Amino acid sequence: VCEVVVLPDILVKFSLGGVSNAPSVSTCKRRYNESGSRRLLLEILKLALYNFLGAKYYYRLIFHFKYEYQKRTSP
């Protein structure tokens, strides 16, 4: 039996940019095997952006679109 408790305070704050969530060729292959060619194209785009922008700016861009942009567009 498990119970979910919602706390009003932030307990932990993680930053993006670890090795485990960096795009790679093996991630592209895994996404293709799991989800097909559309997901492969998205992973290739992420890998290209990561290599072009560098880790610092890639994760800033990801953070902006995942969190900041959604905050502004949510009702």
PDB file of N, CA and C in Angstrom:
ATOM      1  N   VAL A   1       0.856  -1.176   0.000  1.00  0.00           N
ATOM      2  CA  VAL A   1       0.000   0.000   0.000  1.00  0.00           C
ATOM      3  C   VAL A   1       0.894   1.229   0.000  1.00  0.00           C
ATOM      4  N   CYS A   2       0.538   2.181  -0.802  1.00  0.00           N
ATOM      5  CA  CYS A   2       1.338   3.395  -0.877  1.00  0.00           C
ATOM      6  C   CYS A   2       0.437   4.607  -0.775  1.00  0.00           C
ATOM      7  N   GLU A   3       0.996   5.693  -0.320  1.00  0.00           N
ATOM      8  CA  GLU A   3       0.221   6.905  -0.098  1.00  0.00           C
ATOM      9  C   GLU A   3       0.983   8.082  -0.701  1.00  0.00           C
ATOM     10  N   VAL A   4       0.268   8.975  -1.355  1.00  0.00           N
ATOM     11  CA  VAL A   4       0.883  10.166  -1.940  1.00  0.00           C
ATOM     12  C   VAL A   4       0.601  11.349  -1.026  1.00  0.00           C
ATOM     13  N   VAL A   5       1.649  12.067  -0.696  1.00  0.00           N
ATOM     14  CA  VAL A   5       1.518  13.251   0.144  1.00  0.00           C
ATOM     15  C   VAL A   5       2.081  14.439  -0.632  1.00  0.00           C
ATOM     16  N   VAL A   6       1.304  15.499  -0.764  1.00  0.00           N
ATOM     17  CA  VAL A   6       1.736  16.698  -1.461  1.00  0.00           C
ATOM     18  C   VAL A   6       2.207  17.709  -0.422  1.00  0.00           C
ATOM     19  N   LEU A   7       3.458  18.142  -0.562  1.00  0.00           N
ATOM     20  CA  LEU A   7       4.023  19.113   0.362  1.00  0.00           C
ATOM     21  C   LEU A   7       4.090  20.487  -0.307  1.00  0.00           C
ATOM     22  N   PRO A   8       3.823  21.549   0.425  1.00  0.00           N
ATOM     23  CA  PRO A   8       3.849  22.881  -0.175  1.00  0.00           C
ATOM     24  C   PRO A   8       5.266  23.437  -0.368  1.00  0.00           C
ATOM     25  N   ASP A   9       6.267  22.794   0.170  1.00  0.00           N
ATOM     26  CA  ASP A   9       7.636  23.292   0.098  1.00  0.00           C
ATOM     27  C   ASP A   9       8.470  22.480  -0.888  1.00  0.00           C
ATOM     28  N   ILE A  10       9.513  23.114  -1.424  1.00  0.00           N
ATOM     29  CA  ILE A  10      10.454  22.417  -2.297  1.00  0.00           C
ATOM     30  C   ILE A  10      11.435  21.664  -1.422  1.00  0.00           C
ATOM     31  N   LEU A  11      11.556  20.367  -1.655  1.00  0.00           N
ATOM     32  CA  LEU A  11      12.485  19.559  -0.880  1.00  0.00           C
ATOM     33  C   LEU A  11      13.847  19.454  -1.558  1.00  0.00           C
ATOM     34  N   VAL A  12      13.836  19.288  -2.874  1.00  0.00           N
ATOM     35  CA  VAL A  12      15.069  19.098  -3.625  1.00  0.00           C
ATOM     36  C   VAL A  12      14.961  19.856  -4.938  1.00  0.00           C
ATOM     37  N   LYS A  13      16.055  20.476  -5.341  1.00  0.00           N
ATOM     38  CA  LYS A  13      16.091  21.150  -6.634  1.00  0.00           C
ATOM     39  C   LYS A  13      17.282  20.601  -7.407  1.00  0.00           C
ATOM     40  N   PHE A  14      17.002  19.961  -8.541  1.00  0.00           N
ATOM     41  CA  PHE A  14      18.036  19.382  -9.387  1.00  0.00           C
ATOM     42  C   PHE A  14      18.279  20.296 -10.574  1.00  0.00           C
ATOM     43  N   SER A  15      19.471  20.287 -11.069  1.00  0.00           N
ATOM     44  CA  SER A  15      19.750  21.027 -12.292  1.00  0.00           C
ATOM     45  C   SER A  15      19.953  20.034 -13.429  1.00  0.00           C
ATOM     46  N   LEU A  16      19.585  20.465 -14.622  1.00  0.00           N
ATOM     47  CA  LEU A  16      19.778  19.634 -15.801  1.00  0.00           C
ATOM     48  C   LEU A  16      21.246  19.669 -16.193  1.00  0.00           C
ATOM     49  N   GLY A  17      21.664  18.709 -16.951  1.00  0.00           N
ATOM     50  CA  GLY A  17      23.006  18.752 -17.488  1.00  0.00           C
ATOM     51  C   GLY A  17      23.879  17.586 -17.109  1.00  0.00           C
ATOM     52  N   GLY A  18      23.316  16.586 -16.502  1.00  0.00           N
ATOM     53  CA  GLY A  18      24.107  15.416 -16.149  1.00  0.00           C
ATOM     54  C   GLY A  18      24.371  14.532 -17.350  1.00  0.00           C
ATOM     55  N   VAL A  19      25.329  13.655 -17.205  1.00  0.00           N
ATOM     56  CA  VAL A  19      25.694  12.747 -18.284  1.00  0.00           C
ATOM     57  C   VAL A  19      24.529  11.822 -18.633  1.00  0.00           C
ATOM     58  N   SER A  20      23.746  11.457 -17.651  1.00  0.00           N
ATOM     59  CA  SER A  20      22.673  10.492 -17.891  1.00  0.00           C
ATOM     60  C   SER A  20      21.562  11.031 -18.780  1.00  0.00           C
ATOM     61  N   ASN A  21      21.376  12.346 -18.844  1.00  0.00           N
ATOM     62  CA  ASN A  21      20.295  12.853 -19.694  1.00  0.00           C
ATOM     63  C   ASN A  21      20.814  13.625 -20.903  1.00  0.00           C
ATOM     64  N   ALA A  22      22.094  13.510 -21.207  1.00  0.00           N
ATOM     65  CA  ALA A  22      22.651  14.143 -22.401  1.00  0.00           C
ATOM     66  C   ALA A  22      22.303  13.303 -23.637  1.00  0.00           C
ATOM     67  N   PRO A  23      21.923  13.952 -24.733  1.00  0.00           N
ATOM     68  CA  PRO A  23      21.614  13.198 -25.951  1.00  0.00           C
ATOM     69  C   PRO A  23      22.865  12.516 -26.512  1.00  0.00           C
ATOM     70  N   SER A  24      22.693  11.339 -27.065  1.00  0.00           N
ATOM     71  CA  SER A  24      23.818  10.597 -27.636  1.00  0.00           C
ATOM     72  C   SER A  24      23.321   9.715 -28.776  1.00  0.00           C
ATOM     73  N   VAL A  25      24.250   9.128 -29.512  1.00  0.00           N
ATOM     74  CA  VAL A  25      23.891   8.235 -30.615  1.00  0.00           C
ATOM     75  C   VAL A  25      23.151   7.011 -30.079  1.00  0.00           C
ATOM     76  N   SER A  26      23.584   6.494 -28.942  1.00  0.00           N
ATOM     77  CA  SER A  26      22.896   5.324 -28.379  1.00  0.00           C
ATOM     78  C   SER A  26      21.470   5.671 -27.956  1.00  0.00           C
ATOM     79  N   THR A  27      21.246   6.909 -27.500  1.00  0.00           N
ATOM     80  CA  THR A  27      19.885   7.347 -27.167  1.00  0.00           C
ATOM     81  C   THR A  27      19.032   7.380 -28.429  1.00  0.00           C
ATOM     82  N   CYS A  28      19.612   7.858 -29.524  1.00  0.00           N
ATOM     83  CA  CYS A  28      18.878   7.894 -30.801  1.00  0.00           C
ATOM     84  C   CYS A  28      18.458   6.482 -31.219  1.00  0.00           C
ATOM     85  N   LYS A  29      19.374   5.550 -31.125  1.00  0.00           N
ATOM     86  CA  LYS A  29      19.059   4.164 -31.486  1.00  0.00           C
ATOM     87  C   LYS A  29      17.962   3.589 -30.595  1.00  0.00           C
ATOM     88  N   ARG A  30      18.071   3.855 -29.300  1.00  0.00           N
ATOM     89  CA  ARG A  30      17.077   3.333 -28.351  1.00  0.00           C
ATOM     90  C   ARG A  30      15.697   3.919 -28.629  1.00  0.00           C
ATOM     91  N   ARG A  31      15.633   5.225 -28.876  1.00  0.00           N
ATOM     92  CA  ARG A  31      14.337   5.858 -29.169  1.00  0.00           C
ATOM     93  C   ARG A  31      13.727   5.302 -30.460  1.00  0.00           C
ATOM     94  N   TYR A  32      14.561   5.033 -31.465  1.00  0.00           N
ATOM     95  CA  TYR A  32      14.051   4.464 -32.712  1.00  0.00           C
ATOM     96  C   TYR A  32      13.466   3.080 -32.459  1.00  0.00           C
ATOM     97  N   ASN A  33      14.166   2.254 -31.697  1.00  0.00           N
ATOM     98  CA  ASN A  33      13.673   0.907 -31.399  1.00  0.00           C
ATOM     99  C   ASN A  33      12.403   0.933 -30.563  1.00  0.00           C
ATOM    100  N   GLU A  34      12.290   1.920 -29.667  1.00  0.00           N
ATOM    101  CA  GLU A  34      11.112   2.010 -28.792  1.00  0.00           C
ATOM    102  C   GLU A  34       9.915   2.653 -29.482  1.00  0.00           C
ATOM    103  N   SER A  35      10.160   3.716 -30.257  1.00  0.00           N
ATOM    104  CA  SER A  35       9.050   4.544 -30.712  1.00  0.00           C
ATOM    105  C   SER A  35       8.996   4.835 -32.203  1.00  0.00           C
ATOM    106  N   GLY A  36       9.991   4.434 -32.960  1.00  0.00           N
ATOM    107  CA  GLY A  36       9.928   4.632 -34.400  1.00  0.00           C
ATOM    108  C   GLY A  36      10.652   5.863 -34.896  1.00  0.00           C
ATOM    109  N   SER A  37      10.417   6.181 -36.177  1.00  0.00           N
ATOM    110  CA  SER A  37      11.205   7.198 -36.863  1.00  0.00           C
ATOM    111  C   SER A  37      10.929   8.625 -36.397  1.00  0.00           C
ATOM    112  N   ARG A  38       9.716   8.939 -35.972  1.00  0.00           N
ATOM    113  CA  ARG A  38       9.440  10.299 -35.489  1.00  0.00           C
ATOM    114  C   ARG A  38      10.278  10.629 -34.265  1.00  0.00           C
ATOM    115  N   ARG A  39      10.323   9.703 -33.349  1.00  0.00           N
ATOM    116  CA  ARG A  39      11.114   9.926 -32.136  1.00  0.00           C
ATOM    117  C   ARG A  39      12.605   9.959 -32.459  1.00  0.00           C
ATOM    118  N   LEU A  40      13.040   9.168 -33.432  1.00  0.00           N
ATOM    119  CA  LEU A  40      14.433   9.190 -33.867  1.00  0.00           C
ATOM    120  C   LEU A  40      14.799  10.576 -34.383  1.00  0.00           C
ATOM    121  N   LEU A  41      13.934  11.180 -35.206  1.00  0.00           N
ATOM    122  CA  LEU A  41      14.206  12.514 -35.731  1.00  0.00           C
ATOM    123  C   LEU A  41      14.308  13.549 -34.620  1.00  0.00           C
ATOM    124  N   LEU A  42      13.453  13.446 -33.620  1.00  0.00           N
ATOM    125  CA  LEU A  42      13.516  14.359 -32.482  1.00  0.00           C
ATOM    126  C   LEU A  42      14.836  14.191 -31.723  1.00  0.00           C
ATOM    127  N   GLU A  43      15.259  12.967 -31.525  1.00  0.00           N
ATOM    128  CA  GLU A  43      16.520  12.706 -30.822  1.00  0.00           C
ATOM    129  C   GLU A  43      17.720  13.197 -31.629  1.00  0.00           C
ATOM    130  N   ILE A  44      17.673  13.055 -32.944  1.00  0.00           N
ATOM    131  CA  ILE A  44      18.768  13.555 -33.792  1.00  0.00           C
ATOM    132  C   ILE A  44      18.825  15.080 -33.705  1.00  0.00           C
ATOM    133  N   LEU A  45      17.665  15.735 -33.702  1.00  0.00           N
ATOM    134  CA  LEU A  45      17.619  17.186 -33.545  1.00  0.00           C
ATOM    135  C   LEU A  45      18.214  17.605 -32.202  1.00  0.00           C
ATOM    136  N   LYS A  46      17.844  16.907 -31.139  1.00  0.00           N
ATOM    137  CA  LYS A  46      18.384  17.215 -29.818  1.00  0.00           C
ATOM    138  C   LYS A  46      19.893  17.019 -29.775  1.00  0.00           C
ATOM    139  N   LEU A  47      20.383  15.953 -30.386  1.00  0.00           N
ATOM    140  CA  LEU A  47      21.814  15.682 -30.424  1.00  0.00           C
ATOM    141  C   LEU A  47      22.551  16.774 -31.205  1.00  0.00           C
ATOM    142  N   ALA A  48      21.988  17.206 -32.330  1.00  0.00           N
ATOM    143  CA  ALA A  48      22.599  18.261 -33.129  1.00  0.00           C
ATOM    144  C   ALA A  48      22.648  19.583 -32.354  1.00  0.00           C
ATOM    145  N   LEU A  49      21.553  19.921 -31.684  1.00  0.00           N
ATOM    146  CA  LEU A  49      21.532  21.140 -30.877  1.00  0.00           C
ATOM    147  C   LEU A  49      22.533  21.072 -29.729  1.00  0.00           C
ATOM    148  N   TYR A  50      22.620  19.920 -29.101  1.00  0.00           N
ATOM    149  CA  TYR A  50      23.563  19.727 -27.994  1.00  0.00           C
ATOM    150  C   TYR A  50      24.997  19.938 -28.477  1.00  0.00           C
ATOM    151  N   ASN A  51      25.327  19.378 -29.631  1.00  0.00           N
ATOM    152  CA  ASN A  51      26.677  19.525 -30.172  1.00  0.00           C
ATOM    153  C   ASN A  51      26.944  20.941 -30.681  1.00  0.00           C
ATOM    154  N   PHE A  52      25.944  21.590 -31.239  1.00  0.00           N
ATOM    155  CA  PHE A  52      26.109  22.934 -31.796  1.00  0.00           C
ATOM    156  C   PHE A  52      26.178  24.001 -30.700  1.00  0.00           C
ATOM    157  N   LEU A  53      25.251  23.927 -29.740  1.00  0.00           N
ATOM    158  CA  LEU A  53      25.168  24.953 -28.700  1.00  0.00           C
ATOM    159  C   LEU A  53      26.106  24.712 -27.522  1.00  0.00           C
ATOM    160  N   GLY A  54      26.431  23.465 -27.294  1.00  0.00           N
ATOM    161  CA  GLY A  54      27.176  23.121 -26.088  1.00  0.00           C
ATOM    162  C   GLY A  54      26.195  22.800 -24.971  1.00  0.00           C
ATOM    163  N   ALA A  55      26.659  22.106 -23.960  1.00  0.00           N
ATOM    164  CA  ALA A  55      25.782  21.629 -22.886  1.00  0.00           C
ATOM    165  C   ALA A  55      25.078  22.771 -22.160  1.00  0.00           C
ATOM    166  N   LYS A  56      25.803  23.821 -21.819  1.00  0.00           N
ATOM    167  CA  LYS A  56      25.238  24.925 -21.034  1.00  0.00           C
ATOM    168  C   LYS A  56      24.021  25.548 -21.714  1.00  0.00           C
ATOM    169  N   TYR A  57      24.161  25.929 -22.972  1.00  0.00           N
ATOM    170  CA  TYR A  57      23.069  26.606 -23.668  1.00  0.00           C
ATOM    171  C   TYR A  57      21.980  25.641 -24.122  1.00  0.00           C
ATOM    172  N   TYR A  58      22.351  24.401 -24.391  1.00  0.00           N
ATOM    173  CA  TYR A  58      21.344  23.393 -24.736  1.00  0.00           C
ATOM    174  C   TYR A  58      20.369  23.213 -23.571  1.00  0.00           C
ATOM    175  N   TYR A  59      20.901  23.049 -22.351  1.00  0.00           N
ATOM    176  CA  TYR A  59      20.028  22.836 -21.197  1.00  0.00           C
ATOM    177  C   TYR A  59      19.250  24.082 -20.818  1.00  0.00           C
ATOM    178  N   ARG A  60      19.801  25.254 -21.082  1.00  0.00           N
ATOM    179  CA  ARG A  60      19.023  26.484 -20.873  1.00  0.00           C
ATOM    180  C   ARG A  60      17.831  26.526 -21.818  1.00  0.00           C
ATOM    181  N   LEU A  61      18.062  26.150 -23.075  1.00  0.00           N
ATOM    182  CA  LEU A  61      16.988  26.116 -24.060  1.00  0.00           C
ATOM    183  C   LEU A  61      15.923  25.095 -23.673  1.00  0.00           C
ATOM    184  N   ILE A  62      16.340  23.906 -23.275  1.00  0.00           N
ATOM    185  CA  ILE A  62      15.401  22.867 -22.852  1.00  0.00           C
ATOM    186  C   ILE A  62      14.587  23.330 -21.651  1.00  0.00           C
ATOM    187  N   PHE A  63      15.258  23.933 -20.676  1.00  0.00           N
ATOM    188  CA  PHE A  63      14.558  24.428 -19.486  1.00  0.00           C
ATOM    189  C   PHE A  63      13.520  25.461 -19.882  1.00  0.00           C
ATOM    190  N   HIS A  64      13.889  26.379 -20.758  1.00  0.00           N
ATOM    191  CA  HIS A  64      12.957  27.422 -21.179  1.00  0.00           C
ATOM    192  C   HIS A  64      11.694  26.832 -21.796  1.00  0.00           C
ATOM    193  N   PHE A  65      11.857  25.892 -22.725  1.00  0.00           N
ATOM    194  CA  PHE A  65      10.687  25.337 -23.400  1.00  0.00           C
ATOM    195  C   PHE A  65       9.907  24.369 -22.531  1.00  0.00           C
ATOM    196  N   LYS A  66      10.557  23.676 -21.616  1.00  0.00           N
ATOM    197  CA  LYS A  66       9.830  22.731 -20.768  1.00  0.00           C
ATOM    198  C   LYS A  66       9.093  23.426 -19.639  1.00  0.00           C
ATOM    199  N   TYR A  67       9.670  24.478 -19.081  1.00  0.00           N
ATOM    200  CA  TYR A  67       9.107  25.056 -17.863  1.00  0.00           C
ATOM    201  C   TYR A  67       8.648  26.499 -18.030  1.00  0.00           C
ATOM    202  N   GLU A  68       9.486  27.371 -18.507  1.00  0.00           N
ATOM    203  CA  GLU A  68       9.130  28.775 -18.601  1.00  0.00           C
ATOM    204  C   GLU A  68       8.047  29.020 -19.654  1.00  0.00           C
ATOM    205  N   TYR A  69       8.185  28.423 -20.826  1.00  0.00           N
ATOM    206  CA  TYR A  69       7.198  28.612 -21.889  1.00  0.00           C
ATOM    207  C   TYR A  69       5.849  28.043 -21.487  1.00  0.00           C
ATOM    208  N   GLN A  70       5.835  26.892 -20.836  1.00  0.00           N
ATOM    209  CA  GLN A  70       4.580  26.274 -20.402  1.00  0.00           C
ATOM    210  C   GLN A  70       3.885  27.102 -19.345  1.00  0.00           C
ATOM    211  N   LYS A  71       4.642  27.755 -18.476  1.00  0.00           N
ATOM    212  CA  LYS A  71       4.035  28.614 -17.448  1.00  0.00           C
ATOM    213  C   LYS A  71       3.271  29.766 -18.092  1.00  0.00           C
ATOM    214  N   ARG A  72       3.853  30.346 -19.151  1.00  0.00           N
ATOM    215  CA  ARG A  72       3.207  31.482 -19.810  1.00  0.00           C
ATOM    216  C   ARG A  72       2.004  31.089 -20.631  1.00  0.00           C
ATOM    217  N   THR A  73       1.999  29.864 -21.176  1.00  0.00           N
ATOM    218  CA  THR A  73       0.899  29.452 -22.047  1.00  0.00           C
ATOM    219  C   THR A  73      -0.194  28.688 -21.317  1.00  0.00           C
ATOM    220  N   SER A  74       0.046  28.310 -20.076  1.00  0.00           N
ATOM    221  CA  SER A  74      -0.986  27.586 -19.308  1.00  0.00           C
ATOM    222  C   SER A  74      -2.046  28.556 -18.827  1.00  0.00           C
ATOM    223  N   PRO A  75      -3.305  28.089 -18.785  1.00  0.00           N
ATOM    224  CA  PRO A  75      -4.392  28.982 -18.330  1.00  0.00           C
ATOM    225  C   PRO A  75      -4.325  29.249 -16.852  1.00  0.00           C
TER     226      PRO A  75
END
